[in-house]
Amino acid sequence: MDERIRRVYVPMTETGFYILFGLGTPRHGYGIGQRVKEMTGGAVVIGPGTMYGTLSKMEQDGLIEVCAEQDKRKLYRRTALGEEVLALELRRIERLYKNSRGEDWHA
């Protein structure tokens, strides 16, 4: 992984995390927003400007790609780099959680 990508995306913003995490299956921006809202019980709502700005940046950086178009909406999916970044962030979050509970962390 490119060091610039690591610096930009780890740690991730909550919004960035949920957008990338929400792409476990291909989705369009509105579908990602609905999935995030569902996963968080409405605690995280991503506005269109944030959604499409983040999708554009992630696509430009190679974390996601357009895989199809459906009713004039782009469907996005994670790339191998996106999977790698997400796995790195999940390990970081798990370490934080375990440390907060007084557990030792072994990567």
PDB file of N, CA and C in Angstrom:
ATOM      1  N   MET A   1       0.845  -1.175   0.000  1.00  0.00           N
ATOM      2  CA  MET A   1       0.000   0.000   0.000  1.00  0.00           C
ATOM      3  C   MET A   1       0.890   1.238   0.000  1.00  0.00           C
ATOM      4  N   ASP A   2       0.554   2.172  -0.824  1.00  0.00           N
ATOM      5  CA  ASP A   2       1.257   3.441  -0.933  1.00  0.00           C
ATOM      6  C   ASP A   2       1.187   4.200   0.398  1.00  0.00           C
ATOM      7  N   GLU A   3       2.278   4.774   0.823  1.00  0.00           N
ATOM      8  CA  GLU A   3       2.320   5.491   2.106  1.00  0.00           C
ATOM      9  C   GLU A   3       1.351   6.673   2.135  1.00  0.00           C
ATOM     10  N   ARG A   4       1.160   7.318   0.990  1.00  0.00           N
ATOM     11  CA  ARG A   4       0.210   8.441   0.922  1.00  0.00           C
ATOM     12  C   ARG A   4      -1.210   7.966   1.219  1.00  0.00           C
ATOM     13  N   ILE A   5      -1.577   6.832   0.673  1.00  0.00           N
ATOM     14  CA  ILE A   5      -2.909   6.263   0.921  1.00  0.00           C
ATOM     15  C   ILE A   5      -3.063   5.960   2.408  1.00  0.00           C
ATOM     16  N   ARG A   6      -2.053   5.382   3.001  1.00  0.00           N
ATOM     17  CA  ARG A   6      -2.095   5.070   4.439  1.00  0.00           C
ATOM     18  C   ARG A   6      -2.277   6.350   5.262  1.00  0.00           C
ATOM     19  N   ARG A   7      -1.528   7.385   4.924  1.00  0.00           N
ATOM     20  CA  ARG A   7      -1.628   8.657   5.659  1.00  0.00           C
ATOM     21  C   ARG A   7      -3.012   9.290   5.507  1.00  0.00           C
ATOM     22  N   VAL A   8      -3.568   9.225   4.305  1.00  0.00           N
ATOM     23  CA  VAL A   8      -4.859   9.862   4.038  1.00  0.00           C
ATOM     24  C   VAL A   8      -6.018   9.097   4.684  1.00  0.00           C
ATOM     25  N   TYR A   9      -5.956   7.769   4.679  1.00  0.00           N
ATOM     26  CA  TYR A   9      -7.115   6.977   5.075  1.00  0.00           C
ATOM     27  C   TYR A   9      -7.028   6.287   6.434  1.00  0.00           C
ATOM     28  N   VAL A  10      -5.884   6.277   7.070  1.00  0.00           N
ATOM     29  CA  VAL A  10      -5.793   5.617   8.377  1.00  0.00           C
ATOM     30  C   VAL A  10      -5.207   6.597   9.372  1.00  0.00           C
ATOM     31  N   PRO A  11      -5.955   6.986  10.401  1.00  0.00           N
ATOM     32  CA  PRO A  11      -7.304   6.517  10.702  1.00  0.00           C
ATOM     33  C   PRO A  11      -8.334   7.150   9.768  1.00  0.00           C
ATOM     34  N   MET A  12      -9.422   6.440   9.568  1.00  0.00           N
ATOM     35  CA  MET A  12     -10.491   6.922   8.700  1.00  0.00           C
ATOM     36  C   MET A  12     -11.471   7.763   9.493  1.00  0.00           C
ATOM     37  N   THR A  13     -12.139   8.657   8.779  1.00  0.00           N
ATOM     38  CA  THR A  13     -13.265   9.352   9.391  1.00  0.00           C
ATOM     39  C   THR A  13     -14.395   8.333   9.540  1.00  0.00           C
ATOM     40  N   GLU A  14     -15.314   8.607  10.420  1.00  0.00           N
ATOM     41  CA  GLU A  14     -16.454   7.701  10.589  1.00  0.00           C
ATOM     42  C   GLU A  14     -17.230   7.580   9.282  1.00  0.00           C
ATOM     43  N   THR A  15     -17.418   8.693   8.603  1.00  0.00           N
ATOM     44  CA  THR A  15     -18.141   8.682   7.329  1.00  0.00           C
ATOM     45  C   THR A  15     -17.404   7.842   6.296  1.00  0.00           C
ATOM     46  N   GLY A  16     -16.110   8.066   6.154  1.00  0.00           N
ATOM     47  CA  GLY A  16     -15.320   7.297   5.196  1.00  0.00           C
ATOM     48  C   GLY A  16     -15.355   5.814   5.497  1.00  0.00           C
ATOM     49  N   PHE A  17     -15.242   5.489   6.784  1.00  0.00           N
ATOM     50  CA  PHE A  17     -15.300   4.087   7.186  1.00  0.00           C
ATOM     51  C   PHE A  17     -16.622   3.457   6.767  1.00  0.00           C
ATOM     52  N   TYR A  18     -17.726   4.110   7.111  1.00  0.00           N
ATOM     53  CA  TYR A  18     -19.021   3.518   6.798  1.00  0.00           C
ATOM     54  C   TYR A  18     -19.288   3.425   5.301  1.00  0.00           C
ATOM     55  N   ILE A  19     -18.804   4.394   4.545  1.00  0.00           N
ATOM     56  CA  ILE A  19     -18.976   4.314   3.091  1.00  0.00           C
ATOM     57  C   ILE A  19     -18.219   3.106   2.554  1.00  0.00           C
ATOM     58  N   LEU A  20     -16.950   2.961   2.928  1.00  0.00           N
ATOM     59  CA  LEU A  20     -16.157   1.835   2.439  1.00  0.00           C
ATOM     60  C   LEU A  20     -16.710   0.509   2.961  1.00  0.00           C
ATOM     61  N   PHE A  21     -17.079   0.472   4.228  1.00  0.00           N
ATOM     62  CA  PHE A  21     -17.647  -0.738   4.824  1.00  0.00           C
ATOM     63  C   PHE A  21     -18.971  -1.100   4.155  1.00  0.00           C
ATOM     64  N   GLY A  22     -19.763  -0.091   3.825  1.00  0.00           N
ATOM     65  CA  GLY A  22     -21.071  -0.307   3.204  1.00  0.00           C
ATOM     66  C   GLY A  22     -20.992  -0.885   1.807  1.00  0.00           C
ATOM     67  N   LEU A  23     -19.809  -0.892   1.233  1.00  0.00           N
ATOM     68  CA  LEU A  23     -19.639  -1.446  -0.105  1.00  0.00           C
ATOM     69  C   LEU A  23     -19.215  -2.916  -0.070  1.00  0.00           C
ATOM     70  N   GLY A  24     -19.709  -3.644   0.902  1.00  0.00           N
ATOM     71  CA  GLY A  24     -19.490  -5.090   0.954  1.00  0.00           C
ATOM     72  C   GLY A  24     -20.115  -5.768  -0.256  1.00  0.00           C
ATOM     73  N   THR A  25     -21.145  -5.162  -0.787  1.00  0.00           N
ATOM     74  CA  THR A  25     -21.742  -5.563  -2.058  1.00  0.00           C
ATOM     75  C   THR A  25     -21.876  -4.289  -2.881  1.00  0.00           C
ATOM     76  N   PRO A  26     -21.869  -4.394  -4.207  1.00  0.00           N
ATOM     77  CA  PRO A  26     -21.974  -3.182  -5.028  1.00  0.00           C
ATOM     78  C   PRO A  26     -23.249  -2.386  -4.714  1.00  0.00           C
ATOM     79  N   ARG A  27     -23.073  -1.083  -4.582  1.00  0.00           N
ATOM     80  CA  ARG A  27     -24.203  -0.190  -4.283  1.00  0.00           C
ATOM     81  C   ARG A  27     -23.968   1.159  -4.943  1.00  0.00           C
ATOM     82  N   HIS A  28     -25.044   1.888  -5.137  1.00  0.00           N
ATOM     83  CA  HIS A  28     -24.940   3.283  -5.570  1.00  0.00           C
ATOM     84  C   HIS A  28     -24.956   4.159  -4.320  1.00  0.00           C
ATOM     85  N   GLY A  29     -24.668   5.429  -4.487  1.00  0.00           N
ATOM     86  CA  GLY A  29     -24.550   6.327  -3.349  1.00  0.00           C
ATOM     87  C   GLY A  29     -25.754   6.319  -2.426  1.00  0.00           C
ATOM     88  N   TYR A  30     -26.954   6.393  -2.989  1.00  0.00           N
ATOM     89  CA  TYR A  30     -28.161   6.386  -2.160  1.00  0.00           C
ATOM     90  C   TYR A  30     -28.266   5.075  -1.386  1.00  0.00           C
ATOM     91  N   GLY A  31     -27.945   3.961  -2.049  1.00  0.00           N
ATOM     92  CA  GLY A  31     -27.993   2.647  -1.395  1.00  0.00           C
ATOM     93  C   GLY A  31     -26.987   2.538  -0.259  1.00  0.00           C
ATOM     94  N   ILE A  32     -25.813   3.131  -0.446  1.00  0.00           N
ATOM     95  CA  ILE A  32     -24.809   3.136   0.622  1.00  0.00           C
ATOM     96  C   ILE A  32     -25.359   3.913   1.811  1.00  0.00           C
ATOM     97  N   GLY A  33     -25.928   5.075   1.528  1.00  0.00           N
ATOM     98  CA  GLY A  33     -26.502   5.902   2.600  1.00  0.00           C
ATOM     99  C   GLY A  33     -27.584   5.173   3.371  1.00  0.00           C
ATOM    100  N   GLN A  34     -28.436   4.463   2.659  1.00  0.00           N
ATOM    101  CA  GLN A  34     -29.500   3.701   3.314  1.00  0.00           C
ATOM    102  C   GLN A  34     -28.922   2.575   4.166  1.00  0.00           C
ATOM    103  N   ARG A  35     -27.896   1.903   3.646  1.00  0.00           N
ATOM    104  CA  ARG A  35     -27.255   0.806   4.390  1.00  0.00           C
ATOM    105  C   ARG A  35     -26.586   1.324   5.663  1.00  0.00           C
ATOM    106  N   VAL A  36     -25.915   2.461   5.564  1.00  0.00           N
ATOM    107  CA  VAL A  36     -25.247   3.060   6.727  1.00  0.00           C
ATOM    108  C   VAL A  36     -26.285   3.450   7.774  1.00  0.00           C
ATOM    109  N   LYS A  37     -27.349   4.064   7.331  1.00  0.00           N
ATOM    110  CA  LYS A  37     -28.421   4.467   8.248  1.00  0.00           C
ATOM    111  C   LYS A  37     -28.988   3.244   8.964  1.00  0.00           C
ATOM    112  N   GLU A  38     -29.185   2.160   8.212  1.00  0.00           N
ATOM    113  CA  GLU A  38     -29.701   0.907   8.767  1.00  0.00           C
ATOM    114  C   GLU A  38     -28.713   0.297   9.768  1.00  0.00           C
ATOM    115  N   MET A  39     -27.422   0.232   9.387  1.00  0.00           N
ATOM    116  CA  MET A  39     -26.396  -0.374  10.249  1.00  0.00           C
ATOM    117  C   MET A  39     -26.238   0.371  11.567  1.00  0.00           C
ATOM    118  N   THR A  40     -26.429   1.694  11.523  1.00  0.00           N
ATOM    119  CA  THR A  40     -26.177   2.518  12.712  1.00  0.00           C
ATOM    120  C   THR A  40     -27.457   2.899  13.448  1.00  0.00           C
ATOM    121  N   GLY A  41     -28.570   2.331  13.045  1.00  0.00           N
ATOM    122  CA  GLY A  41     -29.836   2.669  13.688  1.00  0.00           C
ATOM    123  C   GLY A  41     -30.177   4.144  13.544  1.00  0.00           C
ATOM    124  N   GLY A  42     -29.732   4.750  12.446  1.00  0.00           N
ATOM    125  CA  GLY A  42     -30.020   6.155  12.183  1.00  0.00           C
ATOM    126  C   GLY A  42     -29.045   7.126  12.841  1.00  0.00           C
ATOM    127  N   ALA A  43     -28.062   6.614  13.571  1.00  0.00           N
ATOM    128  CA  ALA A  43     -27.095   7.485  14.257  1.00  0.00           C
ATOM    129  C   ALA A  43     -26.154   8.183  13.269  1.00  0.00           C
ATOM    130  N   VAL A  44     -25.884   7.543  12.134  1.00  0.00           N
ATOM    131  CA  VAL A  44     -25.021   8.137  11.119  1.00  0.00           C
ATOM    132  C   VAL A  44     -25.842   8.301   9.842  1.00  0.00           C
ATOM    133  N   VAL A  45     -25.989   9.555   9.431  1.00  0.00           N
ATOM    134  CA  VAL A  45     -26.697   9.874   8.194  1.00  0.00           C
ATOM    135  C   VAL A  45     -25.718  10.670   7.341  1.00  0.00           C
ATOM    136  N   ILE A  46     -25.467  10.196   6.140  1.00  0.00           N
ATOM    137  CA  ILE A  46     -24.491  10.842   5.258  1.00  0.00           C
ATOM    138  C   ILE A  46     -25.237  11.651   4.203  1.00  0.00           C
ATOM    139  N   GLY A  47     -24.990  12.944   4.195  1.00  0.00           N
ATOM    140  CA  GLY A  47     -25.619  13.831   3.216  1.00  0.00           C
ATOM    141  C   GLY A  47     -25.049  13.600   1.828  1.00  0.00           C
ATOM    142  N   PRO A  48     -25.789  14.013   0.792  1.00  0.00           N
ATOM    143  CA  PRO A  48     -25.356  13.780  -0.582  1.00  0.00           C
ATOM    144  C   PRO A  48     -23.997  14.408  -0.915  1.00  0.00           C
ATOM    145  N   GLY A  49     -23.730  15.607  -0.435  1.00  0.00           N
ATOM    146  CA  GLY A  49     -22.453  16.258  -0.727  1.00  0.00           C
ATOM    147  C   GLY A  49     -21.283  15.474  -0.171  1.00  0.00           C
ATOM    148  N   THR A  50     -21.430  15.034   1.068  1.00  0.00           N
ATOM    149  CA  THR A  50     -20.381  14.233   1.701  1.00  0.00           C
ATOM    150  C   THR A  50     -20.253  12.887   1.007  1.00  0.00           C
ATOM    151  N   MET A  51     -21.384  12.267   0.699  1.00  0.00           N
ATOM    152  CA  MET A  51     -21.378  10.949   0.051  1.00  0.00           C
ATOM    153  C   MET A  51     -20.648  11.000  -1.279  1.00  0.00           C
ATOM    154  N   TYR A  52     -21.077  11.894  -2.159  1.00  0.00           N
ATOM    155  CA  TYR A  52     -20.515  11.892  -3.502  1.00  0.00           C
ATOM    156  C   TYR A  52     -19.109  12.479  -3.546  1.00  0.00           C
ATOM    157  N   GLY A  53     -18.789  13.388  -2.639  1.00  0.00           N
ATOM    158  CA  GLY A  53     -17.418  13.878  -2.532  1.00  0.00           C
ATOM    159  C   GLY A  53     -16.471  12.772  -2.086  1.00  0.00           C
ATOM    160  N   THR A  54     -16.906  11.992  -1.101  1.00  0.00           N
ATOM    161  CA  THR A  54     -16.087  10.885  -0.592  1.00  0.00           C
ATOM    162  C   THR A  54     -15.959   9.781  -1.634  1.00  0.00           C
ATOM    163  N   LEU A  55     -17.054   9.443  -2.301  1.00  0.00           N
ATOM    164  CA  LEU A  55     -16.992   8.415  -3.350  1.00  0.00           C
ATOM    165  C   LEU A  55     -16.025   8.839  -4.455  1.00  0.00           C
ATOM    166  N   SER A  56     -16.093  10.094  -4.853  1.00  0.00           N
ATOM    167  CA  SER A  56     -15.211  10.599  -5.899  1.00  0.00           C
ATOM    168  C   SER A  56     -13.750  10.498  -5.477  1.00  0.00           C
ATOM    169  N   LYS A  57     -13.450  10.893  -4.246  1.00  0.00           N
ATOM    170  CA  LYS A  57     -12.076  10.842  -3.726  1.00  0.00           C
ATOM    171  C   LYS A  57     -11.596   9.388  -3.634  1.00  0.00           C
ATOM    172  N   MET A  58     -12.448   8.512  -3.109  1.00  0.00           N
ATOM    173  CA  MET A  58     -12.057   7.104  -2.989  1.00  0.00           C
ATOM    174  C   MET A  58     -11.859   6.463  -4.353  1.00  0.00           C
ATOM    175  N   GLU A  59     -12.679   6.843  -5.324  1.00  0.00           N
ATOM    176  CA  GLU A  59     -12.515   6.304  -6.675  1.00  0.00           C
ATOM    177  C   GLU A  59     -11.203   6.813  -7.278  1.00  0.00           C
ATOM    178  N   GLN A  60     -10.936   8.088  -7.110  1.00  0.00           N
ATOM    179  CA  GLN A  60      -9.703   8.686  -7.625  1.00  0.00           C
ATOM    180  C   GLN A  60      -8.463   8.029  -7.002  1.00  0.00           C
ATOM    181  N   ASP A  61      -8.551   7.674  -5.717  1.00  0.00           N
ATOM    182  CA  ASP A  61      -7.428   7.060  -5.012  1.00  0.00           C
ATOM    183  C   ASP A  61      -7.360   5.550  -5.194  1.00  0.00           C
ATOM    184  N   GLY A  62      -8.341   4.964  -5.901  1.00  0.00           N
ATOM    185  CA  GLY A  62      -8.288   3.542  -6.218  1.00  0.00           C
ATOM    186  C   GLY A  62      -8.855   2.604  -5.164  1.00  0.00           C
ATOM    187  N   LEU A  63      -9.584   3.143  -4.162  1.00  0.00           N
ATOM    188  CA  LEU A  63     -10.174   2.292  -3.129  1.00  0.00           C
ATOM    189  C   LEU A  63     -11.473   1.655  -3.598  1.00  0.00           C
ATOM    190  N   ILE A  64     -12.154   2.331  -4.511  1.00  0.00           N
ATOM    191  CA  ILE A  64     -13.404   1.821  -5.064  1.00  0.00           C
ATOM    192  C   ILE A  64     -13.383   2.027  -6.569  1.00  0.00           C
ATOM    193  N   GLU A  65     -14.316   1.355  -7.240  1.00  0.00           N
ATOM    194  CA  GLU A  65     -14.443   1.523  -8.687  1.00  0.00           C
ATOM    195  C   GLU A  65     -15.910   1.381  -9.070  1.00  0.00           C
ATOM    196  N   VAL A  66     -16.243   1.978 -10.196  1.00  0.00           N
ATOM    197  CA  VAL A  66     -17.583   1.813 -10.742  1.00  0.00           C
ATOM    198  C   VAL A  66     -17.620   0.456 -11.418  1.00  0.00           C
ATOM    199  N   CYS A  67     -18.613  -0.355 -11.048  1.00  0.00           N
ATOM    200  CA  CYS A  67     -18.692  -1.699 -11.635  1.00  0.00           C
ATOM    201  C   CYS A  67     -19.873  -1.861 -12.586  1.00  0.00           C
ATOM    202  N   ALA A  68     -20.818  -0.925 -12.531  1.00  0.00           N
ATOM    203  CA  ALA A  68     -21.985  -0.994 -13.418  1.00  0.00           C
ATOM    204  C   ALA A  68     -22.784   0.297 -13.283  1.00  0.00           C
ATOM    205  N   GLU A  69     -23.757   0.436 -14.149  1.00  0.00           N
ATOM    206  CA  GLU A  69     -24.723   1.525 -14.026  1.00  0.00           C
ATOM    207  C   GLU A  69     -26.111   0.922 -13.978  1.00  0.00           C
ATOM    208  N   GLN A  70     -26.930   1.467 -13.100  1.00  0.00           N
ATOM    209  CA  GLN A  70     -28.280   0.957 -12.919  1.00  0.00           C
ATOM    210  C   GLN A  70     -29.220   2.153 -12.847  1.00  0.00           C
ATOM    211  N   ASP A  71     -30.110   2.274 -13.813  1.00  0.00           N
ATOM    212  CA  ASP A  71     -31.031   3.417 -13.869  1.00  0.00           C
ATOM    213  C   ASP A  71     -30.269   4.739 -13.765  1.00  0.00           C
ATOM    214  N   LYS A  72     -29.202   4.862 -14.537  1.00  0.00           N
ATOM    215  CA  LYS A  72     -28.348   6.057 -14.594  1.00  0.00           C
ATOM    216  C   LYS A  72     -27.599   6.342 -13.294  1.00  0.00           C
ATOM    217  N   ARG A  73     -27.552   5.368 -12.397  1.00  0.00           N
ATOM    218  CA  ARG A  73     -26.788   5.500 -11.150  1.00  0.00           C
ATOM    219  C   ARG A  73     -25.568   4.594 -11.236  1.00  0.00           C
ATOM    220  N   LYS A  74     -24.443   5.127 -10.806  1.00  0.00           N
ATOM    221  CA  LYS A  74     -23.224   4.336 -10.782  1.00  0.00           C
ATOM    222  C   LYS A  74     -23.252   3.388  -9.592  1.00  0.00           C
ATOM    223  N   LEU A  75     -22.910   2.130  -9.845  1.00  0.00           N
ATOM    224  CA  LEU A  75     -22.749   1.158  -8.767  1.00  0.00           C
ATOM    225  C   LEU A  75     -21.256   1.042  -8.469  1.00  0.00           C
ATOM    226  N   TYR A  76     -20.911   1.164  -7.207  1.00  0.00           N
ATOM    227  CA  TYR A  76     -19.518   1.111  -6.780  1.00  0.00           C
ATOM    228  C   TYR A  76     -19.240  -0.192  -6.048  1.00  0.00           C
ATOM    229  N   ARG A  77     -17.980  -0.599  -6.080  1.00  0.00           N
ATOM    230  CA  ARG A  77     -17.520  -1.733  -5.282  1.00  0.00           C
ATOM    231  C   ARG A  77     -16.103  -1.425  -4.803  1.00  0.00           C
ATOM    232  N   ARG A  78     -15.723  -2.116  -3.721  1.00  0.00           N
ATOM    233  CA  ARG A  78     -14.365  -1.951  -3.209  1.00  0.00           C
ATOM    234  C   ARG A  78     -13.380  -2.639  -4.142  1.00  0.00           C
ATOM    235  N   THR A  79     -12.195  -2.071  -4.257  1.00  0.00           N
ATOM    236  CA  THR A  79     -11.106  -2.701  -4.995  1.00  0.00           C
ATOM    237  C   THR A  79     -10.251  -3.471  -3.993  1.00  0.00           C
ATOM    238  N   ALA A  80      -9.227  -4.138  -4.488  1.00  0.00           N
ATOM    239  CA  ALA A  80      -8.303  -4.846  -3.593  1.00  0.00           C
ATOM    240  C   ALA A  80      -7.645  -3.849  -2.634  1.00  0.00           C
ATOM    241  N   LEU A  81      -7.309  -2.652  -3.127  1.00  0.00           N
ATOM    242  CA  LEU A  81      -6.727  -1.628  -2.259  1.00  0.00           C
ATOM    243  C   LEU A  81      -7.734  -1.188  -1.210  1.00  0.00           C
ATOM    244  N   GLY A  82      -8.990  -1.035  -1.598  1.00  0.00           N
ATOM    245  CA  GLY A  82     -10.035  -0.680  -0.643  1.00  0.00           C
ATOM    246  C   GLY A  82     -10.198  -1.734   0.433  1.00  0.00           C
ATOM    247  N   GLU A  83     -10.116  -2.994   0.039  1.00  0.00           N
ATOM    248  CA  GLU A  83     -10.194  -4.099   1.005  1.00  0.00           C
ATOM    249  C   GLU A  83      -9.025  -4.027   1.987  1.00  0.00           C
ATOM    250  N   GLU A  84      -7.844  -3.722   1.459  1.00  0.00           N
ATOM    251  CA  GLU A  84      -6.650  -3.638   2.290  1.00  0.00           C
ATOM    252  C   GLU A  84      -6.757  -2.484   3.296  1.00  0.00           C
ATOM    253  N   VAL A  85      -7.203  -1.342   2.825  1.00  0.00           N
ATOM    254  CA  VAL A  85      -7.372  -0.177   3.706  1.00  0.00           C
ATOM    255  C   VAL A  85      -8.420  -0.475   4.770  1.00  0.00           C
ATOM    256  N   LEU A  86      -9.529  -1.076   4.379  1.00  0.00           N
ATOM    257  CA  LEU A  86     -10.583  -1.407   5.329  1.00  0.00           C
ATOM    258  C   LEU A  86     -10.083  -2.401   6.374  1.00  0.00           C
ATOM    259  N   ALA A  87      -9.351  -3.411   5.965  1.00  0.00           N
ATOM    260  CA  ALA A  87      -8.809  -4.396   6.913  1.00  0.00           C
ATOM    261  C   ALA A  87      -7.861  -3.730   7.904  1.00  0.00           C
ATOM    262  N   LEU A  88      -7.044  -2.826   7.435  1.00  0.00           N
ATOM    263  CA  LEU A  88      -6.117  -2.094   8.298  1.00  0.00           C
ATOM    264  C   LEU A  88      -6.883  -1.267   9.327  1.00  0.00           C
ATOM    265  N   GLU A  89      -7.920  -0.601   8.868  1.00  0.00           N
ATOM    266  CA  GLU A  89      -8.735   0.228   9.772  1.00  0.00           C
ATOM    267  C   GLU A  89      -9.505  -0.634  10.772  1.00  0.00           C
ATOM    268  N   LEU A  90     -10.011  -1.770  10.336  1.00  0.00           N
ATOM    269  CA  LEU A  90     -10.712  -2.671  11.255  1.00  0.00           C
ATOM    270  C   LEU A  90      -9.773  -3.193  12.342  1.00  0.00           C
ATOM    271  N   ARG A  91      -8.535  -3.502  11.972  1.00  0.00           N
ATOM    272  CA  ARG A  91      -7.553  -3.933  12.976  1.00  0.00           C
ATOM    273  C   ARG A  91      -7.272  -2.803  13.970  1.00  0.00           C
ATOM    274  N   ARG A  92      -7.186  -1.577  13.474  1.00  0.00           N
ATOM    275  CA  ARG A  92      -6.946  -0.435  14.345  1.00  0.00           C
ATOM    276  C   ARG A  92      -8.103  -0.256  15.326  1.00  0.00           C
ATOM    277  N   ILE A  93      -9.320  -0.352  14.830  1.00  0.00           N
ATOM    278  CA  ILE A  93     -10.506  -0.202  15.685  1.00  0.00           C
ATOM    279  C   ILE A  93     -10.567  -1.333  16.709  1.00  0.00           C
ATOM    280  N   GLU A  94     -10.269  -2.549  16.278  1.00  0.00           N
ATOM    281  CA  GLU A  94     -10.274  -3.685  17.202  1.00  0.00           C
ATOM    282  C   GLU A  94      -9.234  -3.488  18.304  1.00  0.00           C
ATOM    283  N   ARG A  95      -8.054  -2.995  17.938  1.00  0.00           N
ATOM    284  CA  ARG A  95      -7.013  -2.727  18.929  1.00  0.00           C
ATOM    285  C   ARG A  95      -7.495  -1.689  19.940  1.00  0.00           C
ATOM    286  N   LEU A  96      -8.115  -0.612  19.455  1.00  0.00           N
ATOM    287  CA  LEU A  96      -8.645   0.415  20.355  1.00  0.00           C
ATOM    288  C   LEU A  96      -9.673  -0.180  21.309  1.00  0.00           C
ATOM    289  N   TYR A  97     -10.560  -0.992  20.767  1.00  0.00           N
ATOM    290  CA  TYR A  97     -11.602  -1.607  21.586  1.00  0.00           C
ATOM    291  C   TYR A  97     -10.991  -2.513  22.660  1.00  0.00           C
ATOM    292  N   LYS A  98     -10.082  -3.383  22.249  1.00  0.00           N
ATOM    293  CA  LYS A  98      -9.466  -4.303  23.211  1.00  0.00           C
ATOM    294  C   LYS A  98      -8.675  -3.548  24.267  1.00  0.00           C
ATOM    295  N   ASN A  99      -7.933  -2.528  23.859  1.00  0.00           N
ATOM    296  CA  ASN A  99      -7.170  -1.737  24.822  1.00  0.00           C
ATOM    297  C   ASN A  99      -8.096  -1.027  25.798  1.00  0.00           C
ATOM    298  N   SER A 100      -9.239  -0.563  25.320  1.00  0.00           N
ATOM    299  CA  SER A 100     -10.177   0.143  26.202  1.00  0.00           C
ATOM    300  C   SER A 100     -10.780  -0.791  27.247  1.00  0.00           C
ATOM    301  N   ARG A 101     -10.749  -2.090  26.973  1.00  0.00           N
ATOM    302  CA  ARG A 101     -11.281  -3.090  27.897  1.00  0.00           C
ATOM    303  C   ARG A 101     -10.174  -3.714  28.744  1.00  0.00           C
ATOM    304  N   GLY A 102      -8.952  -3.172  28.616  1.00  0.00           N
ATOM    305  CA  GLY A 102      -7.839  -3.684  29.418  1.00  0.00           C
ATOM    306  C   GLY A 102      -7.241  -4.961  28.886  1.00  0.00           C
ATOM    307  N   GLU A 103      -7.564  -5.316  27.656  1.00  0.00           N
ATOM    308  CA  GLU A 103      -7.033  -6.538  27.049  1.00  0.00           C
ATOM    309  C   GLU A 103      -5.742  -6.214  26.303  1.00  0.00           C
ATOM    310  N   ASP A 104      -4.828  -7.177  26.271  1.00  0.00           N
ATOM    311  CA  ASP A 104      -3.605  -7.018  25.488  1.00  0.00           C
ATOM    312  C   ASP A 104      -3.945  -7.141  24.010  1.00  0.00           C
ATOM    313  N   TRP A 105      -3.222  -6.426  23.205  1.00  0.00           N
ATOM    314  CA  TRP A 105      -3.419  -6.484  21.768  1.00  0.00           C
ATOM    315  C   TRP A 105      -2.237  -7.184  21.128  1.00  0.00           C
ATOM    316  N   HIS A 106      -2.514  -8.173  20.315  1.00  0.00           N
ATOM    317  CA  HIS A 106      -1.472  -8.842  19.530  1.00  0.00           C
ATOM    318  C   HIS A 106      -1.947  -8.889  18.094  1.00  0.00           C
ATOM    319  N   ALA A 107      -1.281  -8.150  17.238  1.00  0.00           N
ATOM    320  CA  ALA A 107      -1.701  -8.028  15.830  1.00  0.00           C
ATOM    321  C   ALA A 107      -1.583  -9.309  15.060  1.00  0.00           C
TER     322      ALA A 107
END
